[in-house]
Structure formats: C-alpha cells, structure tokens
Amino acid sequence: RSTLSSSSAASDVYKRQVSTQSTGAGLLTMGQKQTKLSDADVSLSAEKYSENSNLTIEEVKALFKAAQKHAHDNKLSCSGLAHTLKQVAHEMKNSLFVHADHSATAKLIFVLFDVDHDDKIDIQELVSGVSILARGDEKEKQVLIFKVFDLDKNGYLTRSEVEKQLKKLMVLFSKLANSQMKELNSLPYEIRKNLKKTVSRTLKEKTSDEFLKITVDSLFGVDSNSDGKITLEEWLKGFSSPQLMALLSGDVQSASTYSGQAQCSVM
C-alpha cells in the first residue's frame, strides 16, 4: 500500500487520464457513415490508444471492433455502450461489464465514462473508462469519480456541481437496487414482500433532499481550507475508493468507517 502525499502526484494521475483520452485522437472512427478501416489501421490506432492506458493492444482492438457495431457518428449512446461492454466482458474479466446490459448498471457506467458531459461516449472516453474500471488502481478510480463531478472541467468541485451529479447518481443507485430485487423471485412471497418494502423505504429516505444535503456535507468535509471548493488534491487525500462508493450510494454510516483511511492507498 502506498500513500499519496503531494499535489504533484495527484496532478500526475489526472494528466495521465487526460493523456489517455487524447492519445491518437482522430485515428479511430466508430459507427455508421464511416469508411471501414483496414486491420493495419486498426492495429496502428490501437497501439496509440494503449500507450497511456492499462489495456493491451489486443484489448483495445477488441474494444474498438465491438464499439464499431453500436456507434453512430463516432459516439456511443448508453445502449450502445452497454452492448459494447457486454461483448468484451469476458476478455476484460470484469464482472460489472457482464451486467452492463441491465438498464441501471449501464446508466451508472455511462455517467462514469462521460467525462466531458456531452451525453455521448467517444473512443477516448471508452478506452479511458474501460482501462480504469477494468485495470485501474485506486488513484485512477478516485480521479475518474472526481471528473464525474467536475462539470465545468476547471479542476475543482463546487457544492452546486456535487449536488447536481450526486442527485443523478443516487437515483441510479436506487434503480440498480430495485433491479437487483427482481432477482429474488425465488424467495418465499412473504420474505420477498417484506424485503421490497424495506428497500423501498430505505431508497426513499436516501434520495430525499435532506439526505442529499447530509451526503454533500460529508463530501465537503475534505475541504481543508474551507474555501467552498474541493481540489483534486483534497479529494485524493480525503477519500479512499470504498469510502467514495459508500457515500455515493447513500451509505454515509459505512463511509464514516473509512475515516481512518484518509490517505489514498493503491490496491
């Protein structure tokens, strides 16, 4: 386990992700209205994209070929992303991608990948997102989540940005929980009925404005200089990935158990 202790280290992780998204821009095209690339062109482009990612050339090639089938005008919709990830799930050895065709799961992954917030996934976002979720270390995942909240891409988070994105994420986590409840149909009726009531009541509480404010306040606890902004350095020093995921799913109590892990650690 290693500790992130300087702003330069935080910046390096951020720059690496930016580099991953921009490397080879324009070399690959996806979807309809595009001329089919030769195998040599695909190999050359895949090599460029893999240079600053955690994926091999062959994995990038497989990812791009899968995306070509579902993209329109070089972009993937939420549905297109879901089908693409489902197709490469076995090769990437990622259990989350196996369930990417589930509506709530697909929307959650889409939010994580769409770092420029244009409601579409381009090839740079696709390679970077898959690279981080399938092969990324702790810091890379924390930076990815930071960028989900950084709507204006200025390098720091404001309360309004966090509130807006957190509300969206909490709704998605709620839908994901509800979809998972459907898999409990094998349980006896009374048990299933009581579970659904409990889950429904809990989800209603955790999507309320009051609970949203509590969660935002918890996130802004890392604002060390109390200037109303969270920098990337503060974000990385203040949270571990498990703590972030607990907070984003509305589990403030569990998130607090990670308070002793304030320093970022690499898995």
Protein backbone atom coordinates (compact mmCIF):
# COMPACT_ATOMS: atom_id res chain seq x y z
CA ARG A 1 0.00 0.00 0.00
CA SER A 2 1.41 3.42 -0.91
CA THR A 3 0.38 6.90 0.26
CA LEU A 4 -0.36 9.88 -1.98
CA SER A 5 1.26 12.82 -0.22
CA SER A 6 1.81 15.62 -2.74
CA SER A 7 -0.14 17.74 -5.21
CA SER A 8 2.29 16.75 -7.99
CA ALA A 9 1.39 13.09 -7.53
CA ALA A 10 -2.30 13.96 -7.78
CA SER A 11 -1.63 16.03 -10.87
CA ASP A 12 0.31 13.15 -12.50
CA VAL A 13 -2.67 10.83 -12.17
CA TYR A 14 -5.01 13.46 -13.62
CA LYS A 15 -2.68 14.20 -16.53
CA ARG A 16 -2.32 10.52 -17.32
CA GLN A 17 -6.08 10.17 -17.71
CA VAL A 18 -6.25 13.28 -19.90
CA SER A 19 -3.41 11.87 -21.99
CA THR A 20 -5.23 8.56 -22.31
CA GLN A 21 -8.28 10.36 -23.64
CA SER A 22 -6.40 12.47 -26.18
CA THR A 23 -3.82 9.99 -27.46
CA GLY A 24 -4.50 9.06 -31.03
CA ALA A 25 -7.50 11.37 -31.31
CA GLY A 26 -8.92 11.15 -34.81
CA LEU A 27 -7.14 7.92 -35.66
CA LEU A 28 -10.13 5.73 -34.88
CA THR A 29 -13.67 6.26 -36.11
CA MET A 30 -16.68 4.34 -34.96
CA GLY A 31 -20.10 3.58 -36.30
CA GLN A 32 -22.25 4.37 -39.30
CA LYS A 33 -21.29 6.73 -42.12
CA GLN A 34 -17.63 5.78 -41.66
CA THR A 35 -15.26 4.04 -44.05
CA LYS A 36 -14.26 0.65 -42.70
CA LEU A 37 -10.65 0.73 -41.52
CA SER A 38 -8.14 -1.90 -42.58
CA ASP A 39 -6.70 -4.28 -39.99
CA ALA A 40 -3.41 -2.40 -40.26
CA ASP A 41 -5.12 0.93 -39.49
CA VAL A 42 -6.93 -0.59 -36.51
CA SER A 43 -3.69 -2.09 -35.18
CA LEU A 44 -1.83 1.22 -35.51
CA SER A 45 -4.60 3.14 -33.79
CA ALA A 46 -4.96 0.53 -31.04
CA GLU A 47 -1.24 0.77 -30.35
CA LYS A 48 -1.52 4.54 -29.92
CA TYR A 49 -4.50 4.30 -27.58
CA SER A 50 -2.93 1.56 -25.46
CA GLU A 51 0.27 3.53 -24.81
CA ASN A 52 -1.16 5.56 -21.91
CA SER A 53 -3.81 3.10 -20.76
CA ASN A 54 -3.85 -0.10 -18.72
CA LEU A 55 -5.08 -2.11 -21.71
CA THR A 56 -3.11 -4.22 -24.16
CA ILE A 57 -3.15 -3.53 -27.89
CA GLU A 58 -5.31 -6.61 -28.43
CA GLU A 59 -7.81 -5.48 -25.79
CA VAL A 60 -8.12 -2.03 -27.38
CA LYS A 61 -8.62 -3.65 -30.79
CA ALA A 62 -11.37 -5.89 -29.40
CA LEU A 63 -12.98 -2.91 -27.68
CA PHE A 64 -12.97 -0.81 -30.83
CA LYS A 65 -14.33 -3.59 -33.03
CA ALA A 66 -17.17 -4.13 -30.58
CA ALA A 67 -17.89 -0.38 -30.44
CA GLN A 68 -17.99 -0.07 -34.22
CA LYS A 69 -21.13 -2.22 -34.30
CA HIS A 70 -23.07 0.02 -31.94
CA ALA A 71 -21.77 3.58 -32.52
CA HIS A 72 -23.40 6.35 -34.55
CA ASP A 73 -21.34 9.26 -35.84
CA ASN A 74 -18.34 8.19 -33.75
CA LYS A 75 -20.30 8.23 -30.47
CA LEU A 76 -21.89 5.61 -28.26
CA SER A 77 -25.26 6.10 -26.61
CA CYS A 78 -25.99 4.50 -23.26
CA SER A 79 -27.46 1.48 -25.04
CA GLY A 80 -24.50 1.30 -27.43
CA LEU A 81 -22.06 1.40 -24.54
CA ALA A 82 -23.96 -1.35 -22.73
CA HIS A 83 -23.84 -3.66 -25.77
CA THR A 84 -20.15 -2.87 -26.35
CA LEU A 85 -19.14 -3.67 -22.76
CA LYS A 86 -21.26 -6.80 -22.69
CA GLN A 87 -19.44 -8.03 -25.79
CA VAL A 88 -15.95 -7.55 -24.28
CA ALA A 89 -16.83 -8.51 -20.68
CA HIS A 90 -15.22 -11.96 -20.85
CA GLU A 91 -11.99 -10.68 -22.39
CA MET A 92 -11.73 -7.84 -19.87
CA LYS A 93 -12.53 -10.21 -16.98
CA ASN A 94 -14.81 -7.62 -15.41
CA SER A 95 -17.99 -8.75 -13.65
CA LEU A 96 -19.53 -5.26 -13.86
CA PHE A 97 -19.36 -5.35 -17.65
CA VAL A 98 -21.13 -8.73 -17.68
CA HIS A 99 -24.22 -6.96 -16.32
CA ALA A 100 -23.79 -3.84 -18.47
CA ASP A 101 -26.93 -4.63 -20.43
CA HIS A 102 -29.00 -4.09 -17.27
CA SER A 103 -30.51 -0.62 -17.61
CA ALA A 104 -29.45 0.79 -14.23
CA THR A 105 -25.93 -0.66 -14.47
CA ALA A 106 -25.50 0.72 -17.98
CA LYS A 107 -26.58 4.21 -16.92
CA LEU A 108 -24.21 4.19 -13.96
CA ILE A 109 -21.24 3.17 -16.13
CA PHE A 110 -22.29 5.76 -18.72
CA VAL A 111 -22.14 8.56 -16.13
CA LEU A 112 -18.65 7.42 -15.05
CA PHE A 113 -17.35 7.32 -18.64
CA ASP A 114 -18.90 10.58 -19.89
CA VAL A 115 -16.20 12.89 -18.53
CA ASP A 116 -16.94 15.72 -20.97
CA HIS A 117 -20.64 15.58 -20.01
CA ASP A 118 -22.00 15.66 -23.58
CA ASP A 119 -24.27 12.62 -23.05
CA LYS A 120 -22.26 10.56 -25.56
CA ILE A 121 -19.20 8.33 -25.26
CA ASP A 122 -16.39 8.82 -27.77
CA ILE A 123 -13.47 6.45 -28.35
CA GLN A 124 -11.18 8.32 -25.95
CA GLU A 125 -13.72 8.12 -23.13
CA LEU A 126 -14.41 4.48 -23.93
CA VAL A 127 -10.76 3.39 -23.78
CA SER A 128 -10.03 5.51 -20.69
CA GLY A 129 -13.13 4.36 -18.83
CA VAL A 130 -12.62 0.66 -19.55
CA SER A 131 -8.92 0.99 -18.73
CA ILE A 132 -9.68 2.43 -15.29
CA LEU A 133 -12.64 0.24 -14.32
CA ALA A 134 -11.06 -2.99 -15.55
CA ARG A 135 -7.39 -2.39 -14.77
CA GLY A 136 -7.08 0.89 -12.88
CA ASP A 137 -5.53 1.37 -9.46
CA GLU A 138 -7.06 3.20 -6.51
CA LYS A 139 -5.91 6.67 -7.53
CA GLU A 140 -7.14 6.34 -11.10
CA LYS A 141 -10.61 5.37 -9.90
CA GLN A 142 -10.72 8.30 -7.48
CA VAL A 143 -9.73 10.71 -10.26
CA LEU A 144 -12.40 9.25 -12.53
CA ILE A 145 -15.08 9.88 -9.90
CA PHE A 146 -13.73 13.41 -9.34
CA LYS A 147 -14.15 14.14 -13.04
CA VAL A 148 -17.76 12.91 -12.91
CA PHE A 149 -18.48 15.82 -10.55
CA ASP A 150 -16.28 18.42 -12.28
CA LEU A 151 -18.97 19.57 -14.71
CA ASP A 152 -17.15 22.66 -15.98
CA LYS A 153 -13.77 20.84 -16.06
CA ASN A 154 -11.96 23.62 -14.17
CA GLY A 155 -10.13 21.25 -11.79
CA TYR A 156 -12.16 21.81 -8.62
CA LEU A 157 -15.63 20.96 -7.35
CA THR A 158 -18.27 23.37 -6.15
CA ARG A 159 -21.23 22.45 -3.97
CA SER A 160 -23.70 23.01 -6.84
CA GLU A 161 -21.76 20.62 -9.10
CA VAL A 162 -21.62 17.95 -6.43
CA GLU A 163 -25.33 18.32 -5.59
CA LYS A 164 -26.37 18.02 -9.23
CA GLN A 165 -24.31 14.93 -10.01
CA LEU A 166 -24.90 13.29 -6.66
CA LYS A 167 -28.65 13.52 -7.15
CA LYS A 168 -28.29 11.80 -10.51
CA LEU A 169 -26.05 9.08 -9.08
CA MET A 170 -28.33 8.39 -6.12
CA VAL A 171 -31.27 7.87 -8.48
CA LEU A 172 -29.17 5.43 -10.49
CA PHE A 173 -28.09 3.51 -7.38
CA SER A 174 -31.75 3.33 -6.38
CA LYS A 175 -32.74 1.92 -9.75
CA LEU A 176 -29.88 -0.56 -9.55
CA ALA A 177 -31.08 -1.73 -6.13
CA ASN A 178 -34.62 -2.13 -7.44
CA SER A 179 -33.43 -4.13 -10.45
CA GLN A 180 -31.48 -6.44 -8.15
CA MET A 181 -34.65 -7.06 -6.13
CA LYS A 182 -36.18 -8.68 -9.20
CA GLU A 183 -33.58 -11.42 -8.91
CA LEU A 184 -35.06 -12.50 -5.56
CA ASN A 185 -38.18 -14.03 -7.09
CA SER A 186 -37.11 -17.47 -5.92
CA LEU A 187 -37.64 -16.43 -2.29
CA PRO A 188 -40.93 -17.15 -0.50
CA TYR A 189 -43.57 -14.49 -1.17
CA GLU A 190 -43.77 -13.04 2.37
CA ILE A 191 -39.98 -12.70 2.66
CA ARG A 192 -39.79 -11.09 -0.77
CA LYS A 193 -42.64 -8.73 0.09
CA ASN A 194 -41.02 -7.57 3.33
CA LEU A 195 -37.65 -7.10 1.64
CA LYS A 196 -39.19 -4.97 -1.09
CA LYS A 197 -40.94 -2.78 1.49
CA THR A 198 -37.69 -2.30 3.42
CA VAL A 199 -35.69 -1.50 0.30
CA SER A 200 -38.36 0.87 -0.98
CA ARG A 201 -38.49 2.77 2.32
CA THR A 202 -34.69 2.98 2.51
CA LEU A 203 -34.34 4.20 -1.06
CA LYS A 204 -36.99 6.87 -0.50
CA GLU A 205 -35.07 8.15 2.51
CA LYS A 206 -31.74 8.14 0.67
CA THR A 207 -33.00 10.14 -2.28
CA SER A 208 -34.57 12.87 -0.14
CA ASP A 209 -33.29 16.44 -0.18
CA GLU A 210 -32.35 16.14 3.48
CA PHE A 211 -30.22 13.07 2.91
CA LEU A 212 -28.66 14.69 -0.17
CA LYS A 213 -27.54 17.64 1.97
CA ILE A 214 -26.05 15.29 4.59
CA THR A 215 -24.07 13.46 1.89
CA VAL A 216 -22.84 16.68 0.27
CA ASP A 217 -21.76 17.97 3.69
CA SER A 218 -19.86 14.70 4.23
CA LEU A 219 -18.07 15.07 0.91
CA PHE A 220 -17.15 18.68 1.65
CA GLY A 221 -15.58 17.58 4.91
CA VAL A 222 -12.36 17.21 2.86
CA ASP A 223 -12.37 20.94 2.01
CA SER A 224 -9.34 21.53 4.22
CA ASN A 225 -9.10 25.30 3.73
CA SER A 226 -12.89 25.84 3.88
CA ASP A 227 -12.98 27.85 0.65
CA GLY A 228 -16.12 26.09 -0.60
CA LYS A 229 -14.20 24.18 -3.26
CA ILE A 230 -12.72 20.69 -3.38
CA THR A 231 -9.46 20.43 -5.30
CA LEU A 232 -8.19 17.17 -6.76
CA GLU A 233 -5.50 17.03 -4.08
CA GLU A 234 -8.07 17.42 -1.28
CA TRP A 235 -10.28 14.79 -2.92
CA LEU A 236 -7.48 12.23 -3.18
CA LYS A 237 -6.21 12.86 0.33
CA GLY A 238 -9.69 12.78 1.84
CA PHE A 239 -11.18 9.62 0.37
CA SER A 240 -10.46 6.03 -0.49
CA SER A 241 -12.45 4.39 -3.29
CA PRO A 242 -14.57 2.23 -0.91
CA GLN A 243 -15.44 5.34 1.11
CA LEU A 244 -16.44 7.24 -2.03
CA MET A 245 -18.63 4.43 -3.31
CA ALA A 246 -20.30 4.14 0.09
CA LEU A 247 -21.07 7.86 0.11
CA LEU A 248 -22.29 7.91 -3.49
CA SER A 249 -24.64 5.01 -2.84
CA GLY A 250 -26.08 6.89 0.13
CA ASP A 251 -24.41 4.87 2.89
CA VAL A 252 -22.97 7.69 4.99
CA GLN A 253 -22.68 5.49 8.06
CA SER A 254 -20.49 2.92 6.31
CA ALA A 255 -18.47 5.69 4.67
CA SER A 256 -17.58 7.03 8.10
CA THR A 257 -15.88 3.73 8.97
CA TYR A 258 -13.24 4.55 6.38
CA SER A 259 -12.33 7.82 8.08
CA GLY A 260 -9.07 6.32 9.24
CA GLN A 261 -8.13 5.76 5.60
CA ALA A 262 -7.94 9.44 4.80
CA GLN A 263 -4.74 8.90 2.83
CA CYS A 264 -5.15 7.42 -0.61
CA SER A 265 -3.95 3.83 -0.92
CA VAL A 266 -3.18 1.79 -4.01
CA MET A 267 -4.65 -1.68 -4.32
